[in-house]
Amino acid sequence: MELKEINQIVKVGAVFKGSAITPKWFTWEERKYQIKEVNYNWRDRQGSEDIHCFSVTDGTNNYELAFNAKRLTWTLNKICGSL
């Protein structure tokens, strides 16, 4: 298993229900990844910006996604798996 830092803006399809956010898929390098499970989620702050972080899996690899609630952007931070 290899851990790779990515830190790139990505497109994410997510369900927003009240204060809960559930990412369902994301695209990175022109490929769409279906999220099979959210393993863990937590909140972070970068100055005045609220960041919602998610550890997700597509069944093969694990990914760390982050949603910046102020900028309304998603970032793919890390990939852990057989790359």
PDB file of N, CA and C in Angstrom:
ATOM      1  N   MET A   1       0.841  -1.184   0.000  1.00  0.00           N
ATOM      2  CA  MET A   1       0.000   0.000   0.000  1.00  0.00           C
ATOM      3  C   MET A   1       0.884   1.245   0.000  1.00  0.00           C
ATOM      4  N   GLU A   2       0.533   2.138  -0.883  1.00  0.00           N
ATOM      5  CA  GLU A   2       1.297   3.374  -1.025  1.00  0.00           C
ATOM      6  C   GLU A   2       0.401   4.568  -0.675  1.00  0.00           C
ATOM      7  N   LEU A   3       0.952   5.542   0.043  1.00  0.00           N
ATOM      8  CA  LEU A   3       0.233   6.778   0.362  1.00  0.00           C
ATOM      9  C   LEU A   3       0.790   7.878  -0.524  1.00  0.00           C
ATOM     10  N   LYS A   4      -0.096   8.518  -1.270  1.00  0.00           N
ATOM     11  CA  LYS A   4       0.327   9.551  -2.206  1.00  0.00           C
ATOM     12  C   LYS A   4      -0.429  10.845  -1.927  1.00  0.00           C
ATOM     13  N   GLU A   5       0.320  11.944  -1.768  1.00  0.00           N
ATOM     14  CA  GLU A   5      -0.275  13.272  -1.605  1.00  0.00           C
ATOM     15  C   GLU A   5      -0.696  13.782  -2.978  1.00  0.00           C
ATOM     16  N   ILE A   6      -1.950  14.262  -3.088  1.00  0.00           N
ATOM     17  CA  ILE A   6      -2.474  14.752  -4.359  1.00  0.00           C
ATOM     18  C   ILE A   6      -2.728  16.258  -4.301  1.00  0.00           C
ATOM     19  N   ASN A   7      -3.581  16.680  -3.363  1.00  0.00           N
ATOM     20  CA  ASN A   7      -3.923  18.093  -3.144  1.00  0.00           C
ATOM     21  C   ASN A   7      -4.357  18.811  -4.429  1.00  0.00           C
ATOM     22  N   GLN A   8      -5.349  18.237  -5.104  1.00  0.00           N
ATOM     23  CA  GLN A   8      -5.905  18.830  -6.325  1.00  0.00           C
ATOM     24  C   GLN A   8      -7.397  19.048  -6.172  1.00  0.00           C
ATOM     25  N   ILE A   9      -7.887  20.131  -6.760  1.00  0.00           N
ATOM     26  CA  ILE A   9      -9.318  20.405  -6.794  1.00  0.00           C
ATOM     27  C   ILE A   9      -9.982  19.347  -7.682  1.00  0.00           C
ATOM     28  N   VAL A  10     -11.088  18.776  -7.212  1.00  0.00           N
ATOM     29  CA  VAL A  10     -11.820  17.762  -7.972  1.00  0.00           C
ATOM     30  C   VAL A  10     -13.315  18.088  -7.957  1.00  0.00           C
ATOM     31  N   LYS A  11     -14.042  17.462  -8.873  1.00  0.00           N
ATOM     32  CA  LYS A  11     -15.504  17.563  -8.886  1.00  0.00           C
ATOM     33  C   LYS A  11     -16.048  16.414  -8.057  1.00  0.00           C
ATOM     34  N   VAL A  12     -17.040  16.716  -7.217  1.00  0.00           N
ATOM     35  CA  VAL A  12     -17.629  15.708  -6.343  1.00  0.00           C
ATOM     36  C   VAL A  12     -19.144  15.796  -6.427  1.00  0.00           C
ATOM     37  N   GLY A  13     -19.793  14.647  -6.518  1.00  0.00           N
ATOM     38  CA  GLY A  13     -21.241  14.565  -6.381  1.00  0.00           C
ATOM     39  C   GLY A  13     -21.528  14.181  -4.945  1.00  0.00           C
ATOM     40  N   ALA A  14     -22.311  14.993  -4.239  1.00  0.00           N
ATOM     41  CA  ALA A  14     -22.561  14.741  -2.820  1.00  0.00           C
ATOM     42  C   ALA A  14     -24.012  15.039  -2.477  1.00  0.00           C
ATOM     43  N   VAL A  15     -24.486  14.390  -1.428  1.00  0.00           N
ATOM     44  CA  VAL A  15     -25.820  14.641  -0.893  1.00  0.00           C
ATOM     45  C   VAL A  15     -25.661  15.491   0.354  1.00  0.00           C
ATOM     46  N   PHE A  16     -26.372  16.626   0.389  1.00  0.00           N
ATOM     47  CA  PHE A  16     -26.378  17.517   1.541  1.00  0.00           C
ATOM     48  C   PHE A  16     -27.741  17.379   2.203  1.00  0.00           C
ATOM     49  N   LYS A  17     -27.767  16.912   3.442  1.00  0.00           N
ATOM     50  CA  LYS A  17     -29.022  16.743   4.181  1.00  0.00           C
ATOM     51  C   LYS A  17     -28.843  17.362   5.554  1.00  0.00           C
ATOM     52  N   GLY A  18     -29.448  18.546   5.739  1.00  0.00           N
ATOM     53  CA  GLY A  18     -29.218  19.291   6.980  1.00  0.00           C
ATOM     54  C   GLY A  18     -27.754  19.665   7.056  1.00  0.00           C
ATOM     55  N   SER A  19     -27.107  19.330   8.161  1.00  0.00           N
ATOM     56  CA  SER A  19     -25.673  19.625   8.301  1.00  0.00           C
ATOM     57  C   SER A  19     -24.804  18.445   7.864  1.00  0.00           C
ATOM     58  N   ALA A  20     -25.432  17.338   7.441  1.00  0.00           N
ATOM     59  CA  ALA A  20     -24.679  16.149   7.022  1.00  0.00           C
ATOM     60  C   ALA A  20     -24.356  16.213   5.531  1.00  0.00           C
ATOM     61  N   ILE A  21     -23.123  15.831   5.199  1.00  0.00           N
ATOM     62  CA  ILE A  21     -22.656  15.784   3.814  1.00  0.00           C
ATOM     63  C   ILE A  21     -22.200  14.354   3.535  1.00  0.00           C
ATOM     64  N   THR A  22     -22.677  13.782   2.423  1.00  0.00           N
ATOM     65  CA  THR A  22     -22.263  12.431   2.045  1.00  0.00           C
ATOM     66  C   THR A  22     -21.771  12.442   0.600  1.00  0.00           C
ATOM     67  N   PRO A  23     -20.445  12.362   0.389  1.00  0.00           N
ATOM     68  CA  PRO A  23     -19.940  12.288  -0.981  1.00  0.00           C
ATOM     69  C   PRO A  23     -20.311  10.946  -1.605  1.00  0.00           C
ATOM     70  N   LYS A  24     -20.716  10.974  -2.903  1.00  0.00           N
ATOM     71  CA  LYS A  24     -21.147   9.767  -3.612  1.00  0.00           C
ATOM     72  C   LYS A  24     -20.188   9.361  -4.728  1.00  0.00           C
ATOM     73  N   TRP A  25     -19.549  10.330  -5.371  1.00  0.00           N
ATOM     74  CA  TRP A  25     -18.578  10.063  -6.440  1.00  0.00           C
ATOM     75  C   TRP A  25     -17.680  11.289  -6.590  1.00  0.00           C
ATOM     76  N   PHE A  26     -16.533  11.092  -7.241  1.00  0.00           N
ATOM     77  CA  PHE A  26     -15.664  12.221  -7.590  1.00  0.00           C
ATOM     78  C   PHE A  26     -14.946  11.913  -8.889  1.00  0.00           C
ATOM     79  N   THR A  27     -14.528  12.965  -9.581  1.00  0.00           N
ATOM     80  CA  THR A  27     -13.739  12.793 -10.800  1.00  0.00           C
ATOM     81  C   THR A  27     -12.350  13.354 -10.563  1.00  0.00           C
ATOM     82  N   TRP A  28     -11.368  12.605 -11.015  1.00  0.00           N
ATOM     83  CA  TRP A  28      -9.964  13.012 -10.910  1.00  0.00           C
ATOM     84  C   TRP A  28      -9.247  12.500 -12.155  1.00  0.00           C
ATOM     85  N   GLU A  29      -8.524  13.392 -12.804  1.00  0.00           N
ATOM     86  CA  GLU A  29      -7.794  13.068 -14.037  1.00  0.00           C
ATOM     87  C   GLU A  29      -8.714  12.376 -15.056  1.00  0.00           C
ATOM     88  N   GLU A  30      -9.893  12.987 -15.256  1.00  0.00           N
ATOM     89  CA  GLU A  30     -10.873  12.553 -16.246  1.00  0.00           C
ATOM     90  C   GLU A  30     -11.450  11.163 -15.993  1.00  0.00           C
ATOM     91  N   ARG A  31     -11.327  10.667 -14.763  1.00  0.00           N
ATOM     92  CA  ARG A  31     -11.907   9.369 -14.409  1.00  0.00           C
ATOM     93  C   ARG A  31     -12.871   9.564 -13.244  1.00  0.00           C
ATOM     94  N   LYS A  32     -14.023   8.893 -13.326  1.00  0.00           N
ATOM     95  CA  LYS A  32     -15.030   8.985 -12.268  1.00  0.00           C
ATOM     96  C   LYS A  32     -14.869   7.818 -11.303  1.00  0.00           C
ATOM     97  N   TYR A  33     -14.838   8.123 -10.013  1.00  0.00           N
ATOM     98  CA  TYR A  33     -14.699   7.128  -8.953  1.00  0.00           C
ATOM     99  C   TYR A  33     -15.997   7.078  -8.150  1.00  0.00           C
ATOM    100  N   GLN A  34     -16.621   5.909  -8.084  1.00  0.00           N
ATOM    101  CA  GLN A  34     -17.825   5.724  -7.279  1.00  0.00           C
ATOM    102  C   GLN A  34     -17.406   5.443  -5.839  1.00  0.00           C
ATOM    103  N   ILE A  35     -17.950   6.181  -4.908  1.00  0.00           N
ATOM    104  CA  ILE A  35     -17.640   5.979  -3.496  1.00  0.00           C
ATOM    105  C   ILE A  35     -18.581   4.909  -2.947  1.00  0.00           C
ATOM    106  N   LYS A  36     -17.996   3.818  -2.481  1.00  0.00           N
ATOM    107  CA  LYS A  36     -18.800   2.723  -1.935  1.00  0.00           C
ATOM    108  C   LYS A  36     -19.091   2.928  -0.460  1.00  0.00           C
ATOM    109  N   GLU A  37     -18.172   3.622   0.253  1.00  0.00           N
ATOM    110  CA  GLU A  37     -18.357   3.788   1.694  1.00  0.00           C
ATOM    111  C   GLU A  37     -17.567   4.991   2.194  1.00  0.00           C
ATOM    112  N   VAL A  38     -18.161   5.701   3.134  1.00  0.00           N
ATOM    113  CA  VAL A  38     -17.433   6.742   3.867  1.00  0.00           C
ATOM    114  C   VAL A  38     -16.912   6.061   5.122  1.00  0.00           C
ATOM    115  N   ASN A  39     -15.583   5.934   5.234  1.00  0.00           N
ATOM    116  CA  ASN A  39     -14.966   5.243   6.367  1.00  0.00           C
ATOM    117  C   ASN A  39     -14.971   6.099   7.624  1.00  0.00           C
ATOM    118  N   TYR A  40     -14.760   7.398   7.442  1.00  0.00           N
ATOM    119  CA  TYR A  40     -14.617   8.299   8.586  1.00  0.00           C
ATOM    120  C   TYR A  40     -14.797   9.718   8.089  1.00  0.00           C
ATOM    121  N   ASN A  41     -15.345  10.583   8.922  1.00  0.00           N
ATOM    122  CA  ASN A  41     -15.411  11.994   8.562  1.00  0.00           C
ATOM    123  C   ASN A  41     -15.120  12.852   9.785  1.00  0.00           C
ATOM    124  N   TRP A  42     -14.546  14.026   9.554  1.00  0.00           N
ATOM    125  CA  TRP A  42     -14.190  14.943  10.624  1.00  0.00           C
ATOM    126  C   TRP A  42     -14.187  16.363  10.079  1.00  0.00           C
ATOM    127  N   ARG A  43     -14.128  17.325  11.000  1.00  0.00           N
ATOM    128  CA  ARG A  43     -14.105  18.731  10.598  1.00  0.00           C
ATOM    129  C   ARG A  43     -12.791  19.352  11.035  1.00  0.00           C
ATOM    130  N   ASP A  44     -12.328  20.289  10.226  1.00  0.00           N
ATOM    131  CA  ASP A  44     -11.069  20.980  10.471  1.00  0.00           C
ATOM    132  C   ASP A  44     -11.298  22.460  10.190  1.00  0.00           C
ATOM    133  N   ARG A  45     -10.340  23.273  10.559  1.00  0.00           N
ATOM    134  CA  ARG A  45     -10.423  24.697  10.254  1.00  0.00           C
ATOM    135  C   ARG A  45      -9.087  25.164   9.682  1.00  0.00           C
ATOM    136  N   GLN A  46      -9.186  26.061   8.702  1.00  0.00           N
ATOM    137  CA  GLN A  46      -8.005  26.734   8.157  1.00  0.00           C
ATOM    138  C   GLN A  46      -8.317  28.213   8.249  1.00  0.00           C
ATOM    139  N   GLY A  47      -7.894  28.841   9.336  1.00  0.00           N
ATOM    140  CA  GLY A  47      -8.246  30.232   9.590  1.00  0.00           C
ATOM    141  C   GLY A  47      -9.738  30.334   9.821  1.00  0.00           C
ATOM    142  N   SER A  48     -10.438  31.129   9.014  1.00  0.00           N
ATOM    143  CA  SER A  48     -11.889  31.292   9.156  1.00  0.00           C
ATOM    144  C   SER A  48     -12.670  30.290   8.312  1.00  0.00           C
ATOM    145  N   GLU A  49     -11.973  29.390   7.625  1.00  0.00           N
ATOM    146  CA  GLU A  49     -12.623  28.448   6.717  1.00  0.00           C
ATOM    147  C   GLU A  49     -12.897  27.108   7.405  1.00  0.00           C
ATOM    148  N   ASP A  50     -14.139  26.655   7.290  1.00  0.00           N
ATOM    149  CA  ASP A  50     -14.577  25.377   7.842  1.00  0.00           C
ATOM    150  C   ASP A  50     -14.360  24.298   6.784  1.00  0.00           C
ATOM    151  N   ILE A  51     -13.612  23.256   7.124  1.00  0.00           N
ATOM    152  CA  ILE A  51     -13.279  22.185   6.184  1.00  0.00           C
ATOM    153  C   ILE A  51     -13.909  20.881   6.681  1.00  0.00           C
ATOM    154  N   HIS A  52     -14.699  20.239   5.812  1.00  0.00           N
ATOM    155  CA  HIS A  52     -15.304  18.939   6.109  1.00  0.00           C
ATOM    156  C   HIS A  52     -14.452  17.881   5.407  1.00  0.00           C
ATOM    157  N   CYS A  53     -13.860  16.971   6.185  1.00  0.00           N
ATOM    158  CA  CYS A  53     -12.934  15.967   5.641  1.00  0.00           C
ATOM    159  C   CYS A  53     -13.576  14.586   5.671  1.00  0.00           C
ATOM    160  N   PHE A  54     -13.243  13.789   4.654  1.00  0.00           N
ATOM    161  CA  PHE A  54     -13.830  12.464   4.504  1.00  0.00           C
ATOM    162  C   PHE A  54     -12.769  11.464   4.080  1.00  0.00           C
ATOM    163  N   SER A  55     -12.731  10.326   4.754  1.00  0.00           N
ATOM    164  CA  SER A  55     -11.960   9.175   4.300  1.00  0.00           C
ATOM    165  C   SER A  55     -12.967   8.252   3.632  1.00  0.00           C
ATOM    166  N   VAL A  56     -12.768   7.998   2.335  1.00  0.00           N
ATOM    167  CA  VAL A  56     -13.730   7.205   1.556  1.00  0.00           C
ATOM    168  C   VAL A  56     -13.008   6.087   0.812  1.00  0.00           C
ATOM    169  N   THR A  57     -13.786   5.113   0.349  1.00  0.00           N
ATOM    170  CA  THR A  57     -13.225   4.031  -0.451  1.00  0.00           C
ATOM    171  C   THR A  57     -14.110   3.746  -1.655  1.00  0.00           C
ATOM    172  N   ASP A  58     -13.459   3.316  -2.732  1.00  0.00           N
ATOM    173  CA  ASP A  58     -14.189   2.852  -3.916  1.00  0.00           C
ATOM    174  C   ASP A  58     -14.197   1.323  -3.954  1.00  0.00           C
ATOM    175  N   GLY A  59     -13.760   0.707  -2.858  1.00  0.00           N
ATOM    176  CA  GLY A  59     -13.678  -0.751  -2.779  1.00  0.00           C
ATOM    177  C   GLY A  59     -12.293  -1.279  -3.085  1.00  0.00           C
ATOM    178  N   THR A  60     -11.447  -0.436  -3.684  1.00  0.00           N
ATOM    179  CA  THR A  60     -10.077  -0.819  -4.015  1.00  0.00           C
ATOM    180  C   THR A  60      -9.069   0.026  -3.256  1.00  0.00           C
ATOM    181  N   ASN A  61      -9.209   1.339  -3.359  1.00  0.00           N
ATOM    182  CA  ASN A  61      -8.293   2.279  -2.710  1.00  0.00           C
ATOM    183  C   ASN A  61      -9.053   3.159  -1.721  1.00  0.00           C
ATOM    184  N   ASN A  62      -8.295   3.819  -0.846  1.00  0.00           N
ATOM    185  CA  ASN A  62      -8.856   4.796   0.076  1.00  0.00           C
ATOM    186  C   ASN A  62      -8.429   6.189  -0.369  1.00  0.00           C
ATOM    187  N   TYR A  63      -9.333   7.148  -0.180  1.00  0.00           N
ATOM    188  CA  TYR A  63      -9.103   8.525  -0.612  1.00  0.00           C
ATOM    189  C   TYR A  63      -9.470   9.472   0.513  1.00  0.00           C
ATOM    190  N   GLU A  64      -8.775  10.592   0.583  1.00  0.00           N
ATOM    191  CA  GLU A  64      -9.145  11.645   1.525  1.00  0.00           C
ATOM    192  C   GLU A  64      -9.644  12.838   0.724  1.00  0.00           C
ATOM    193  N   LEU A  65     -10.923  13.170   0.927  1.00  0.00           N
ATOM    194  CA  LEU A  65     -11.541  14.316   0.277  1.00  0.00           C
ATOM    195  C   LEU A  65     -11.815  15.390   1.314  1.00  0.00           C
ATOM    196  N   ALA A  66     -11.777  16.658   0.886  1.00  0.00           N
ATOM    197  CA  ALA A  66     -12.071  17.769   1.792  1.00  0.00           C
ATOM    198  C   ALA A  66     -12.966  18.781   1.087  1.00  0.00           C
ATOM    199  N   PHE A  67     -14.015  19.210   1.787  1.00  0.00           N
ATOM    200  CA  PHE A  67     -14.939  20.206   1.275  1.00  0.00           C
ATOM    201  C   PHE A  67     -14.741  21.501   2.052  1.00  0.00           C
ATOM    202  N   ASN A  68     -14.375  22.570   1.337  1.00  0.00           N
ATOM    203  CA  ASN A  68     -14.205  23.884   1.939  1.00  0.00           C
ATOM    204  C   ASN A  68     -15.560  24.586   1.885  1.00  0.00           C
ATOM    205  N   ALA A  69     -16.207  24.740   3.045  1.00  0.00           N
ATOM    206  CA  ALA A  69     -17.564  25.288   3.101  1.00  0.00           C
ATOM    207  C   ALA A  69     -17.618  26.776   2.757  1.00  0.00           C
ATOM    208  N   LYS A  70     -16.524  27.479   2.898  1.00  0.00           N
ATOM    209  CA  LYS A  70     -16.500  28.909   2.557  1.00  0.00           C
ATOM    210  C   LYS A  70     -16.312  29.105   1.055  1.00  0.00           C
ATOM    211  N   ARG A  71     -15.375  28.364   0.474  1.00  0.00           N
ATOM    212  CA  ARG A  71     -15.076  28.497  -0.959  1.00  0.00           C
ATOM    213  C   ARG A  71     -15.942  27.599  -1.841  1.00  0.00           C
ATOM    214  N   LEU A  72     -16.648  26.636  -1.203  1.00  0.00           N
ATOM    215  CA  LEU A  72     -17.479  25.658  -1.916  1.00  0.00           C
ATOM    216  C   LEU A  72     -16.668  24.855  -2.930  1.00  0.00           C
ATOM    217  N   THR A  73     -15.487  24.415  -2.499  1.00  0.00           N
ATOM    218  CA  THR A  73     -14.609  23.609  -3.351  1.00  0.00           C
ATOM    219  C   THR A  73     -14.287  22.283  -2.661  1.00  0.00           C
ATOM    220  N   TRP A  74     -14.045  21.272  -3.487  1.00  0.00           N
ATOM    221  CA  TRP A  74     -13.617  19.954  -3.016  1.00  0.00           C
ATOM    222  C   TRP A  74     -12.170  19.732  -3.437  1.00  0.00           C
ATOM    223  N   THR A  75     -11.405  19.093  -2.554  1.00  0.00           N
ATOM    224  CA  THR A  75     -10.007  18.771  -2.830  1.00  0.00           C
ATOM    225  C   THR A  75      -9.767  17.292  -2.553  1.00  0.00           C
ATOM    226  N   LEU A  76      -9.076  16.631  -3.475  1.00  0.00           N
ATOM    227  CA  LEU A  76      -8.581  15.277  -3.231  1.00  0.00           C
ATOM    228  C   LEU A  76      -7.207  15.445  -2.604  1.00  0.00           C
ATOM    229  N   ASN A  77      -7.108  15.160  -1.312  1.00  0.00           N
ATOM    230  CA  ASN A  77      -5.847  15.373  -0.594  1.00  0.00           C
ATOM    231  C   ASN A  77      -4.872  14.213  -0.737  1.00  0.00           C
ATOM    232  N   LYS A  78      -5.390  12.971  -0.539  1.00  0.00           N
ATOM    233  CA  LYS A  78      -4.501  11.809  -0.513  1.00  0.00           C
ATOM    234  C   LYS A  78      -5.181  10.588  -1.115  1.00  0.00           C
ATOM    235  N   ILE A  79      -4.343   9.673  -1.594  1.00  0.00           N
ATOM    236  CA  ILE A  79      -4.787   8.351  -2.030  1.00  0.00           C
ATOM    237  C   ILE A  79      -3.920   7.320  -1.307  1.00  0.00           C
ATOM    238  N   CYS A  80      -4.549   6.292  -0.789  1.00  0.00           N
ATOM    239  CA  CYS A  80      -3.819   5.191  -0.169  1.00  0.00           C
ATOM    240  C   CYS A  80      -4.277   3.897  -0.836  1.00  0.00           C
ATOM    241  N   GLY A  81      -3.338   3.207  -1.461  1.00  0.00           N
ATOM    242  CA  GLY A  81      -3.709   1.963  -2.130  1.00  0.00           C
ATOM    243  C   GLY A  81      -2.625   1.492  -3.058  1.00  0.00           C
ATOM    244  N   SER A  82      -2.995   0.595  -3.928  1.00  0.00           N
ATOM    245  CA  SER A  82      -2.052   0.031  -4.903  1.00  0.00           C
ATOM    246  C   SER A  82      -2.109   0.879  -6.157  1.00  0.00           C
ATOM    247  N   LEU A  83      -1.276   1.881  -6.222  1.00  0.00           N
ATOM    248  CA  LEU A  83      -1.314   2.842  -7.323  1.00  0.00           C
ATOM    249  C   LEU A  83      -0.361   2.449  -8.434  1.00  0.00           C
TER     250      LEU A  83
END
